[in-house]
Amino acid sequence: MVKFSTAVLFSVLAAPAIGQPVDGVFFTQRMTSGGAPVTIRTYIEATRLRTEMSGPDGAMNVTIFDGGKQVLYIIDPARKAYTEITKADVDRLSASSQGALTEVQSLLANLPPAQRAQVEAMMKGVALTRTGVDKVGSWTCDKYDVILAGQKIGERCTVSLAVLGFTAADFAVMQQMAAFYSVMATQMPGQVGGSSGIEPNGSSDFPVKTVMMIPGATMTTELVEAGRETFSDALFAVPAGFRQETSPLGR
């Protein structure tokens, strides 16, 4: 789930010809944190989403979410293997986490007031404070500080979805995905969107640059390209012949 919780992405490609069917959107981001960059490529349809993360050595990890089937696939192309996380797996995690959540709430109740307030502030997540405008690539973007528990932990610069030729409806599948793994996400407070940094709540803004300060490093994610395209079904399917491995949530 680190790939999902990492705070992570463009020049706009030419618009499609009039009358050409358009089923989805794609965008590419580059992430750096002191070493060689990592490339993240995301493809989105109405009910399906695919993310490819490629390192400098060419190794790739692929994640596919199918909202219609309510299944998440994590694919390792090099090993020709994949794991599958179903809604039933997530529901089991939800049931087993209730006891732990109750215990955490009990511990919070016994903390001194000042410490309890600090922990509760962190669990509420982050806030964005606008600081002005900036220039990222060819885009003039609105700049924000990312605040957690009163402390600045990063920056974000956003443009309107319309600038990229996108609409909020293009990202509807992210609401489905957020609901699918909400049990896991609620155990990781302070997140800012998913791997792309896109909010699943119908936001009209897109981050062209995100800077997050994490222990020992600063992670910067910038948009490289974006566009619209019609995708084949094969893009959102596990390749034939890949070996299925047991999901950690299935055990």
C-alpha atoms as a PDB file:
ATOM      1  CA  MET A   1       0.000   0.000   0.000  1.00  0.00           C
ATOM      2  CA  VAL A   2       3.028   2.310   0.120  1.00  0.00           C
ATOM      3  CA  LYS A   3       2.588   2.810  -3.624  1.00  0.00           C
ATOM      4  CA  PHE A   4      -0.957   3.981  -2.935  1.00  0.00           C
ATOM      5  CA  SER A   5      -0.126   6.228   0.031  1.00  0.00           C
ATOM      6  CA  THR A   6       2.986   7.903  -1.367  1.00  0.00           C
ATOM      7  CA  ALA A   7       2.346  11.486  -2.005  1.00  0.00           C
ATOM      8  CA  VAL A   8       3.060  11.570  -5.715  1.00  0.00           C
ATOM      9  CA  LEU A   9       2.710  14.237 -11.300  1.00  0.00           C
ATOM     10  CA  PHE A  10       2.956  17.751 -17.770  1.00  0.00           C
ATOM     11  CA  SER A  11       2.768  19.335 -21.305  1.00  0.00           C
ATOM     12  CA  VAL A  12      -0.705  18.783 -22.763  1.00  0.00           C
ATOM     13  CA  LEU A  13      -0.866  16.622 -25.872  1.00  0.00           C
ATOM     14  CA  ALA A  14      -2.894  17.618 -28.911  1.00  0.00           C
ATOM     15  CA  ALA A  15      -6.653  17.182 -28.635  1.00  0.00           C
ATOM     16  CA  PRO A  16      -8.215  14.296 -30.584  1.00  0.00           C
ATOM     17  CA  ALA A  17      -9.842  14.904 -33.930  1.00  0.00           C
ATOM     18  CA  ILE A  18     -13.537  15.778 -33.974  1.00  0.00           C
ATOM     19  CA  GLY A  19     -15.676  12.645 -34.000  1.00  0.00           C
ATOM     20  CA  GLN A  20     -12.894  10.406 -32.677  1.00  0.00           C
ATOM     21  CA  PRO A  21     -14.111   8.315 -29.708  1.00  0.00           C
ATOM     22  CA  VAL A  22     -12.383   9.153 -26.436  1.00  0.00           C
ATOM     23  CA  ASP A  23     -12.759   6.706 -23.568  1.00  0.00           C
ATOM     24  CA  GLY A  24     -10.155   7.804 -21.071  1.00  0.00           C
ATOM     25  CA  VAL A  25      -7.278  10.024 -19.990  1.00  0.00           C
ATOM     26  CA  PHE A  26      -3.622   9.408 -19.255  1.00  0.00           C
ATOM     27  CA  PHE A  27      -0.809  11.341 -17.629  1.00  0.00           C
ATOM     28  CA  THR A  28       2.862  10.782 -16.867  1.00  0.00           C
ATOM     29  CA  GLN A  29       4.701  12.004 -13.782  1.00  0.00           C
ATOM     30  CA  ARG A  30       8.362  12.029 -12.732  1.00  0.00           C
ATOM     31  CA  MET A  31       9.233  11.496  -9.073  1.00  0.00           C
ATOM     32  CA  THR A  32      12.625  12.278  -7.533  1.00  0.00           C
ATOM     33  CA  SER A  33      13.871  12.012  -3.959  1.00  0.00           C
ATOM     34  CA  GLY A  34      17.623  12.525  -4.147  1.00  0.00           C
ATOM     35  CA  GLY A  35      18.398   9.625  -6.459  1.00  0.00           C
ATOM     36  CA  ALA A  36      17.518   8.599 -10.001  1.00  0.00           C
ATOM     37  CA  PRO A  37      13.962   9.548 -11.000  1.00  0.00           C
ATOM     38  CA  VAL A  38      10.981   7.203 -11.045  1.00  0.00           C
ATOM     39  CA  THR A  39       8.397   7.479 -13.834  1.00  0.00           C
ATOM     40  CA  ILE A  40       4.702   6.994 -13.077  1.00  0.00           C
ATOM     41  CA  ARG A  41       2.245   6.478 -15.939  1.00  0.00           C
ATOM     42  CA  THR A  42      -1.489   6.442 -15.186  1.00  0.00           C
ATOM     43  CA  TYR A  43      -4.394   5.412 -17.449  1.00  0.00           C
ATOM     44  CA  ILE A  44      -7.986   6.119 -16.364  1.00  0.00           C
ATOM     45  CA  GLU A  45     -11.362   5.019 -17.724  1.00  0.00           C
ATOM     46  CA  ALA A  46     -14.850   5.269 -16.258  1.00  0.00           C
ATOM     47  CA  THR A  47     -14.463   2.190 -14.023  1.00  0.00           C
ATOM     48  CA  ARG A  48     -10.846   1.111 -14.507  1.00  0.00           C
ATOM     49  CA  LEU A  49      -7.444   2.521 -13.588  1.00  0.00           C
ATOM     50  CA  ARG A  50      -3.904   1.352 -14.365  1.00  0.00           C
ATOM     51  CA  THR A  51      -0.686   2.726 -12.869  1.00  0.00           C
ATOM     52  CA  GLU A  52       2.816   1.794 -14.050  1.00  0.00           C
ATOM     53  CA  MET A  53       5.817   2.724 -11.915  1.00  0.00           C
ATOM     54  CA  SER A  54       9.210   2.390 -13.636  1.00  0.00           C
ATOM     55  CA  GLY A  55      12.565   2.787 -11.922  1.00  0.00           C
ATOM     56  CA  PRO A  56      15.891   3.860 -13.466  1.00  0.00           C
ATOM     57  CA  ASP A  57      16.891   0.211 -13.904  1.00  0.00           C
ATOM     58  CA  GLY A  58      13.843  -0.426 -16.080  1.00  0.00           C
ATOM     59  CA  ALA A  59      12.041  -2.522 -13.470  1.00  0.00           C
ATOM     60  CA  MET A  60       8.292  -1.932 -13.520  1.00  0.00           C
ATOM     61  CA  ASN A  61       5.447  -2.445 -11.066  1.00  0.00           C
ATOM     62  CA  VAL A  62       1.871  -2.357 -12.347  1.00  0.00           C
ATOM     63  CA  THR A  63      -1.335  -1.818 -10.377  1.00  0.00           C
ATOM     64  CA  ILE A  64      -4.792  -2.226 -11.930  1.00  0.00           C
ATOM     65  CA  PHE A  65      -8.094  -1.404 -10.255  1.00  0.00           C
ATOM     66  CA  ASP A  66     -11.319  -2.722 -11.803  1.00  0.00           C
ATOM     67  CA  GLY A  67     -14.296  -0.960 -10.223  1.00  0.00           C
ATOM     68  CA  GLY A  68     -16.833  -3.182 -11.961  1.00  0.00           C
ATOM     69  CA  LYS A  69     -15.265  -6.349 -10.562  1.00  0.00           C
ATOM     70  CA  GLN A  70     -14.164  -4.665  -7.313  1.00  0.00           C
ATOM     71  CA  VAL A  71     -10.696  -6.181  -7.670  1.00  0.00           C
ATOM     72  CA  LEU A  72      -7.210  -4.752  -7.311  1.00  0.00           C
ATOM     73  CA  TYR A  73      -4.364  -6.441  -9.211  1.00  0.00           C
ATOM     74  CA  ILE A  74      -0.694  -5.927  -8.322  1.00  0.00           C
ATOM     75  CA  ILE A  75       1.480  -7.166 -11.188  1.00  0.00           C
ATOM     76  CA  ASP A  76       5.215  -7.914 -11.401  1.00  0.00           C
ATOM     77  CA  PRO A  77       5.988  -8.111 -15.156  1.00  0.00           C
ATOM     78  CA  ALA A  78       9.598  -9.233 -14.621  1.00  0.00           C
ATOM     79  CA  ARG A  79       8.507 -12.283 -12.622  1.00  0.00           C
ATOM     80  CA  LYS A  80       5.332 -12.783 -14.678  1.00  0.00           C
ATOM     81  CA  ALA A  81       3.379 -12.959 -11.432  1.00  0.00           C
ATOM     82  CA  TYR A  82       0.502 -11.083  -9.828  1.00  0.00           C
ATOM     83  CA  THR A  83      -1.554 -10.878  -6.663  1.00  0.00           C
ATOM     84  CA  GLU A  84      -5.257 -10.163  -6.459  1.00  0.00           C
ATOM     85  CA  ILE A  85      -7.028  -8.239  -3.692  1.00  0.00           C
ATOM     86  CA  THR A  86     -10.813  -8.606  -3.668  1.00  0.00           C
ATOM     87  CA  LYS A  87     -13.527  -6.733  -1.802  1.00  0.00           C
ATOM     88  CA  ALA A  88     -13.916  -9.814   0.414  1.00  0.00           C
ATOM     89  CA  ASP A  89     -10.234  -9.497   1.394  1.00  0.00           C
ATOM     90  CA  VAL A  90     -10.739  -5.839   2.306  1.00  0.00           C
ATOM     91  CA  ASP A  91     -13.894  -6.629   4.286  1.00  0.00           C
ATOM     92  CA  ARG A  92     -11.965  -9.194   6.316  1.00  0.00           C
ATOM     93  CA  LEU A  93      -9.321  -6.584   7.040  1.00  0.00           C
ATOM     94  CA  SER A  94     -12.062  -4.182   8.124  1.00  0.00           C
ATOM     95  CA  ALA A  95     -13.479  -6.695  10.584  1.00  0.00           C
ATOM     96  CA  SER A  96     -10.079  -7.543  12.059  1.00  0.00           C
ATOM     97  CA  SER A  97      -9.101  -3.881  12.413  1.00  0.00           C
ATOM     98  CA  GLN A  98     -12.090  -2.885  14.540  1.00  0.00           C
ATOM     99  CA  GLY A  99     -10.510  -4.249  17.723  1.00  0.00           C
ATOM    100  CA  ALA A 100      -7.272  -2.371  17.050  1.00  0.00           C
ATOM    101  CA  LEU A 101      -9.186   0.840  16.364  1.00  0.00           C
ATOM    102  CA  THR A 102     -11.073   0.516  19.649  1.00  0.00           C
ATOM    103  CA  GLU A 103      -7.779   0.024  21.484  1.00  0.00           C
ATOM    104  CA  VAL A 104      -6.275   3.135  19.858  1.00  0.00           C
ATOM    105  CA  GLN A 105      -9.314   5.196  20.866  1.00  0.00           C
ATOM    106  CA  SER A 106      -8.972   3.944  24.421  1.00  0.00           C
ATOM    107  CA  LEU A 107      -5.290   4.908  24.512  1.00  0.00           C
ATOM    108  CA  LEU A 108      -6.113   8.383  23.182  1.00  0.00           C
ATOM    109  CA  ALA A 109      -8.676   8.895  25.932  1.00  0.00           C
ATOM    110  CA  ASN A 110      -5.984   8.275  28.548  1.00  0.00           C
ATOM    111  CA  LEU A 111      -3.394  10.674  27.104  1.00  0.00           C
ATOM    112  CA  PRO A 112      -2.766  14.075  28.710  1.00  0.00           C
ATOM    113  CA  PRO A 113      -4.944  16.750  27.024  1.00  0.00           C
ATOM    114  CA  ALA A 114      -2.058  18.406  25.138  1.00  0.00           C
ATOM    115  CA  GLN A 115      -0.760  15.123  23.697  1.00  0.00           C
ATOM    116  CA  ARG A 116      -4.256  13.936  22.850  1.00  0.00           C
ATOM    117  CA  ALA A 117      -4.956  17.157  20.945  1.00  0.00           C
ATOM    118  CA  GLN A 118      -1.721  16.740  18.970  1.00  0.00           C
ATOM    119  CA  VAL A 119      -2.484  13.140  17.983  1.00  0.00           C
ATOM    120  CA  GLU A 120      -6.081  13.980  17.055  1.00  0.00           C
ATOM    121  CA  ALA A 121      -4.847  16.869  14.882  1.00  0.00           C
ATOM    122  CA  MET A 122      -2.549  14.504  12.992  1.00  0.00           C
ATOM    123  CA  MET A 123      -5.351  11.977  12.475  1.00  0.00           C
ATOM    124  CA  LYS A 124      -7.543  14.649  10.884  1.00  0.00           C
ATOM    125  CA  GLY A 125      -5.167  14.775   7.929  1.00  0.00           C
ATOM    126  CA  VAL A 126      -3.619  17.651   6.028  1.00  0.00           C
ATOM    127  CA  ALA A 127      -4.760  21.139   5.095  1.00  0.00           C
ATOM    128  CA  LEU A 128      -3.728  23.306   2.122  1.00  0.00           C
ATOM    129  CA  THR A 129      -2.903  27.003   2.545  1.00  0.00           C
ATOM    130  CA  ARG A 130      -2.628  29.101  -0.623  1.00  0.00           C
ATOM    131  CA  THR A 131       0.611  31.093  -0.866  1.00  0.00           C
ATOM    132  CA  GLY A 132       0.438  32.601  -4.371  1.00  0.00           C
ATOM    133  CA  VAL A 133       1.327  31.506  -7.903  1.00  0.00           C
ATOM    134  CA  ASP A 134       4.309  29.749  -9.477  1.00  0.00           C
ATOM    135  CA  LYS A 135       5.521  28.478 -12.837  1.00  0.00           C
ATOM    136  CA  VAL A 136       5.994  24.739 -13.492  1.00  0.00           C
ATOM    137  CA  GLY A 137       6.945  23.861 -17.055  1.00  0.00           C
ATOM    138  CA  SER A 138       4.558  25.756 -19.314  1.00  0.00           C
ATOM    139  CA  TRP A 139       1.884  26.114 -16.638  1.00  0.00           C
ATOM    140  CA  THR A 140       1.180  28.976 -14.285  1.00  0.00           C
ATOM    141  CA  CYS A 141      -0.152  27.239 -11.184  1.00  0.00           C
ATOM    142  CA  ASP A 142      -1.658  28.086  -7.817  1.00  0.00           C
ATOM    143  CA  LYS A 143       0.821  27.328  -5.049  1.00  0.00           C
ATOM    144  CA  TYR A 144      -0.131  25.897  -1.636  1.00  0.00           C
ATOM    145  CA  ASP A 145       1.665  24.882   1.530  1.00  0.00           C
ATOM    146  CA  VAL A 146       0.708  21.421   2.811  1.00  0.00           C
ATOM    147  CA  ILE A 147       0.091  21.631   6.556  1.00  0.00           C
ATOM    148  CA  LEU A 148      -0.156  18.737   9.036  1.00  0.00           C
ATOM    149  CA  ALA A 149      -0.813  19.395  12.720  1.00  0.00           C
ATOM    150  CA  GLY A 150       0.264  23.017  12.288  1.00  0.00           C
ATOM    151  CA  GLN A 151       3.558  22.125  10.584  1.00  0.00           C
ATOM    152  CA  LYS A 152       4.469  22.577   6.915  1.00  0.00           C
ATOM    153  CA  ILE A 153       5.272  19.180   5.399  1.00  0.00           C
ATOM    154  CA  GLY A 154       5.285  20.082   1.727  1.00  0.00           C
ATOM    155  CA  GLU A 155       4.084  22.207  -1.170  1.00  0.00           C
ATOM    156  CA  ARG A 156       1.677  21.726  -4.040  1.00  0.00           C
ATOM    157  CA  CYS A 157       1.104  23.698  -7.242  1.00  0.00           C
ATOM    158  CA  THR A 158      -2.115  23.065  -9.172  1.00  0.00           C
ATOM    159  CA  VAL A 159      -3.897  24.040 -12.382  1.00  0.00           C
ATOM    160  CA  SER A 160      -7.518  23.710 -13.372  1.00  0.00           C
ATOM    161  CA  LEU A 161      -8.434  20.357 -14.911  1.00  0.00           C
ATOM    162  CA  ALA A 162      -9.743  22.271 -17.921  1.00  0.00           C
ATOM    163  CA  VAL A 163      -6.209  23.535 -18.654  1.00  0.00           C
ATOM    164  CA  LEU A 164      -5.197  19.910 -19.274  1.00  0.00           C
ATOM    165  CA  GLY A 165      -8.355  19.066 -21.230  1.00  0.00           C
ATOM    166  CA  PHE A 166      -9.717  17.000 -18.324  1.00  0.00           C
ATOM    167  CA  THR A 167     -12.961  17.124 -16.337  1.00  0.00           C
ATOM    168  CA  ALA A 168     -13.798  15.958 -12.805  1.00  0.00           C
ATOM    169  CA  ALA A 169     -15.932  13.185 -14.354  1.00  0.00           C
ATOM    170  CA  ASP A 170     -12.761  11.673 -15.868  1.00  0.00           C
ATOM    171  CA  PHE A 171     -11.611  10.774 -12.346  1.00  0.00           C
ATOM    172  CA  ALA A 172     -14.859   9.199 -11.090  1.00  0.00           C
ATOM    173  CA  VAL A 173     -13.164   5.797 -10.816  1.00  0.00           C
ATOM    174  CA  MET A 174     -10.945   7.204  -8.074  1.00  0.00           C
ATOM    175  CA  GLN A 175     -14.003   7.551  -5.841  1.00  0.00           C
ATOM    176  CA  GLN A 176     -14.668   3.845  -6.405  1.00  0.00           C
ATOM    177  CA  MET A 177     -11.064   2.993  -5.614  1.00  0.00           C
ATOM    178  CA  ALA A 178     -11.046   5.210  -2.519  1.00  0.00           C
ATOM    179  CA  ALA A 179     -14.133   3.412  -1.223  1.00  0.00           C
ATOM    180  CA  PHE A 180     -12.550   0.040  -2.024  1.00  0.00           C
ATOM    181  CA  TYR A 181      -9.410   0.570   0.054  1.00  0.00           C
ATOM    182  CA  SER A 182     -10.799   3.116   2.564  1.00  0.00           C
ATOM    183  CA  VAL A 183     -10.170   0.665   5.419  1.00  0.00           C
ATOM    184  CA  MET A 184      -6.449   0.639   4.657  1.00  0.00           C
ATOM    185  CA  ALA A 185      -6.339   4.374   3.941  1.00  0.00           C
ATOM    186  CA  THR A 186      -7.929   5.282   7.276  1.00  0.00           C
ATOM    187  CA  GLN A 187      -5.038   3.544   9.010  1.00  0.00           C
ATOM    188  CA  MET A 188      -2.609   5.949   7.307  1.00  0.00           C
ATOM    189  CA  PRO A 189      -3.648   9.475   8.404  1.00  0.00           C
ATOM    190  CA  GLY A 190      -2.249  12.587   6.824  1.00  0.00           C
ATOM    191  CA  GLN A 191      -2.336  11.416   3.206  1.00  0.00           C
ATOM    192  CA  VAL A 192      -2.700  13.855   0.322  1.00  0.00           C
ATOM    193  CA  GLY A 193      -4.510  12.033  -2.448  1.00  0.00           C
ATOM    194  CA  GLY A 194      -3.311   8.800  -3.997  1.00  0.00           C
ATOM    195  CA  SER A 195      -0.229   7.938  -6.018  1.00  0.00           C
ATOM    196  CA  SER A 196      -0.986  10.702  -8.450  1.00  0.00           C
ATOM    197  CA  GLY A 197      -1.870  13.289  -5.851  1.00  0.00           C
ATOM    198  CA  ILE A 198      -5.356  13.556  -7.368  1.00  0.00           C
ATOM    199  CA  GLU A 199      -8.142  13.907  -4.846  1.00  0.00           C
ATOM    200  CA  PRO A 200     -10.973  11.354  -5.264  1.00  0.00           C
ATOM    201  CA  ASN A 201     -13.663  13.858  -4.236  1.00  0.00           C
ATOM    202  CA  GLY A 202     -14.339  15.577  -7.540  1.00  0.00           C
ATOM    203  CA  SER A 203     -11.739  18.359  -7.137  1.00  0.00           C
ATOM    204  CA  SER A 204     -11.406  20.667 -10.157  1.00  0.00           C
ATOM    205  CA  ASP A 205      -7.634  21.078  -9.675  1.00  0.00           C
ATOM    206  CA  PHE A 206      -4.701  18.943 -10.803  1.00  0.00           C
ATOM    207  CA  PRO A 207      -1.253  19.052  -9.146  1.00  0.00           C
ATOM    208  CA  VAL A 208       1.487  19.763 -11.686  1.00  0.00           C
ATOM    209  CA  LYS A 209       4.065  19.713  -8.900  1.00  0.00           C
ATOM    210  CA  THR A 210       4.054  18.276  -5.381  1.00  0.00           C
ATOM    211  CA  VAL A 211       6.905  18.473  -2.884  1.00  0.00           C
ATOM    212  CA  MET A 212       6.667  16.360   0.271  1.00  0.00           C
ATOM    213  CA  MET A 213       9.193  16.406   3.099  1.00  0.00           C
ATOM    214  CA  ILE A 214       9.578  12.910   4.507  1.00  0.00           C
ATOM    215  CA  PRO A 215      12.129  11.692   7.092  1.00  0.00           C
ATOM    216  CA  GLY A 216      15.547  11.818   5.482  1.00  0.00           C
ATOM    217  CA  ALA A 217      14.439  13.060   2.062  1.00  0.00           C
ATOM    218  CA  THR A 218      12.363  15.485   0.028  1.00  0.00           C
ATOM    219  CA  MET A 219      10.131  13.884  -2.596  1.00  0.00           C
ATOM    220  CA  THR A 220       9.249  15.936  -5.682  1.00  0.00           C
ATOM    221  CA  THR A 221       6.649  14.839  -8.224  1.00  0.00           C
ATOM    222  CA  GLU A 222       6.128  16.757 -11.483  1.00  0.00           C
ATOM    223  CA  LEU A 223       3.796  16.344 -14.425  1.00  0.00           C
ATOM    224  CA  VAL A 224       5.467  15.396 -17.721  1.00  0.00           C
ATOM    225  CA  GLU A 225       2.566  14.882 -20.157  1.00  0.00           C
ATOM    226  CA  ALA A 226      -1.187  14.448 -20.257  1.00  0.00           C
ATOM    227  CA  GLY A 227      -3.805  13.597 -22.849  1.00  0.00           C
ATOM    228  CA  ARG A 228      -6.904  11.694 -23.880  1.00  0.00           C
ATOM    229  CA  GLU A 229      -6.977   8.287 -25.545  1.00  0.00           C
ATOM    230  CA  THR A 230      -9.104   5.219 -26.256  1.00  0.00           C
ATOM    231  CA  PHE A 231      -7.643   2.202 -24.433  1.00  0.00           C
ATOM    232  CA  SER A 232      -7.902  -1.495 -25.199  1.00  0.00           C
ATOM    233  CA  ASP A 233      -9.346  -3.954 -22.672  1.00  0.00           C
ATOM    234  CA  ALA A 234      -5.971  -5.700 -22.553  1.00  0.00           C
ATOM    235  CA  LEU A 235      -4.447  -2.655 -20.847  1.00  0.00           C
ATOM    236  CA  PHE A 236      -6.604  -3.322 -17.775  1.00  0.00           C
ATOM    237  CA  ALA A 237      -6.172  -7.109 -17.671  1.00  0.00           C
ATOM    238  CA  VAL A 238      -3.535  -9.426 -16.234  1.00  0.00           C
ATOM    239  CA  PRO A 239      -1.411 -10.734 -19.142  1.00  0.00           C
ATOM    240  CA  ALA A 240      -2.073 -14.321 -20.142  1.00  0.00           C
ATOM    241  CA  GLY A 241       0.264 -16.860 -18.599  1.00  0.00           C
ATOM    242  CA  PHE A 242       1.094 -14.825 -15.492  1.00  0.00           C
ATOM    243  CA  ARG A 243       1.193 -16.832 -12.246  1.00  0.00           C
ATOM    244  CA  GLN A 244      -1.178 -15.853  -9.463  1.00  0.00           C
ATOM    245  CA  GLU A 245       0.377 -15.609  -5.989  1.00  0.00           C
ATOM    246  CA  THR A 246      -1.419 -15.566  -2.650  1.00  0.00           C
ATOM    247  CA  SER A 247      -2.497 -12.109  -1.540  1.00  0.00           C
ATOM    248  CA  PRO A 248      -1.237 -10.982   1.889  1.00  0.00           C
ATOM    249  CA  LEU A 249      -4.832  -9.950   2.693  1.00  0.00           C
ATOM    250  CA  GLY A 250      -6.118 -13.367   1.692  1.00  0.00           C
ATOM    251  CA  ARG A 251      -4.210 -15.125   4.452  1.00  0.00           C
END
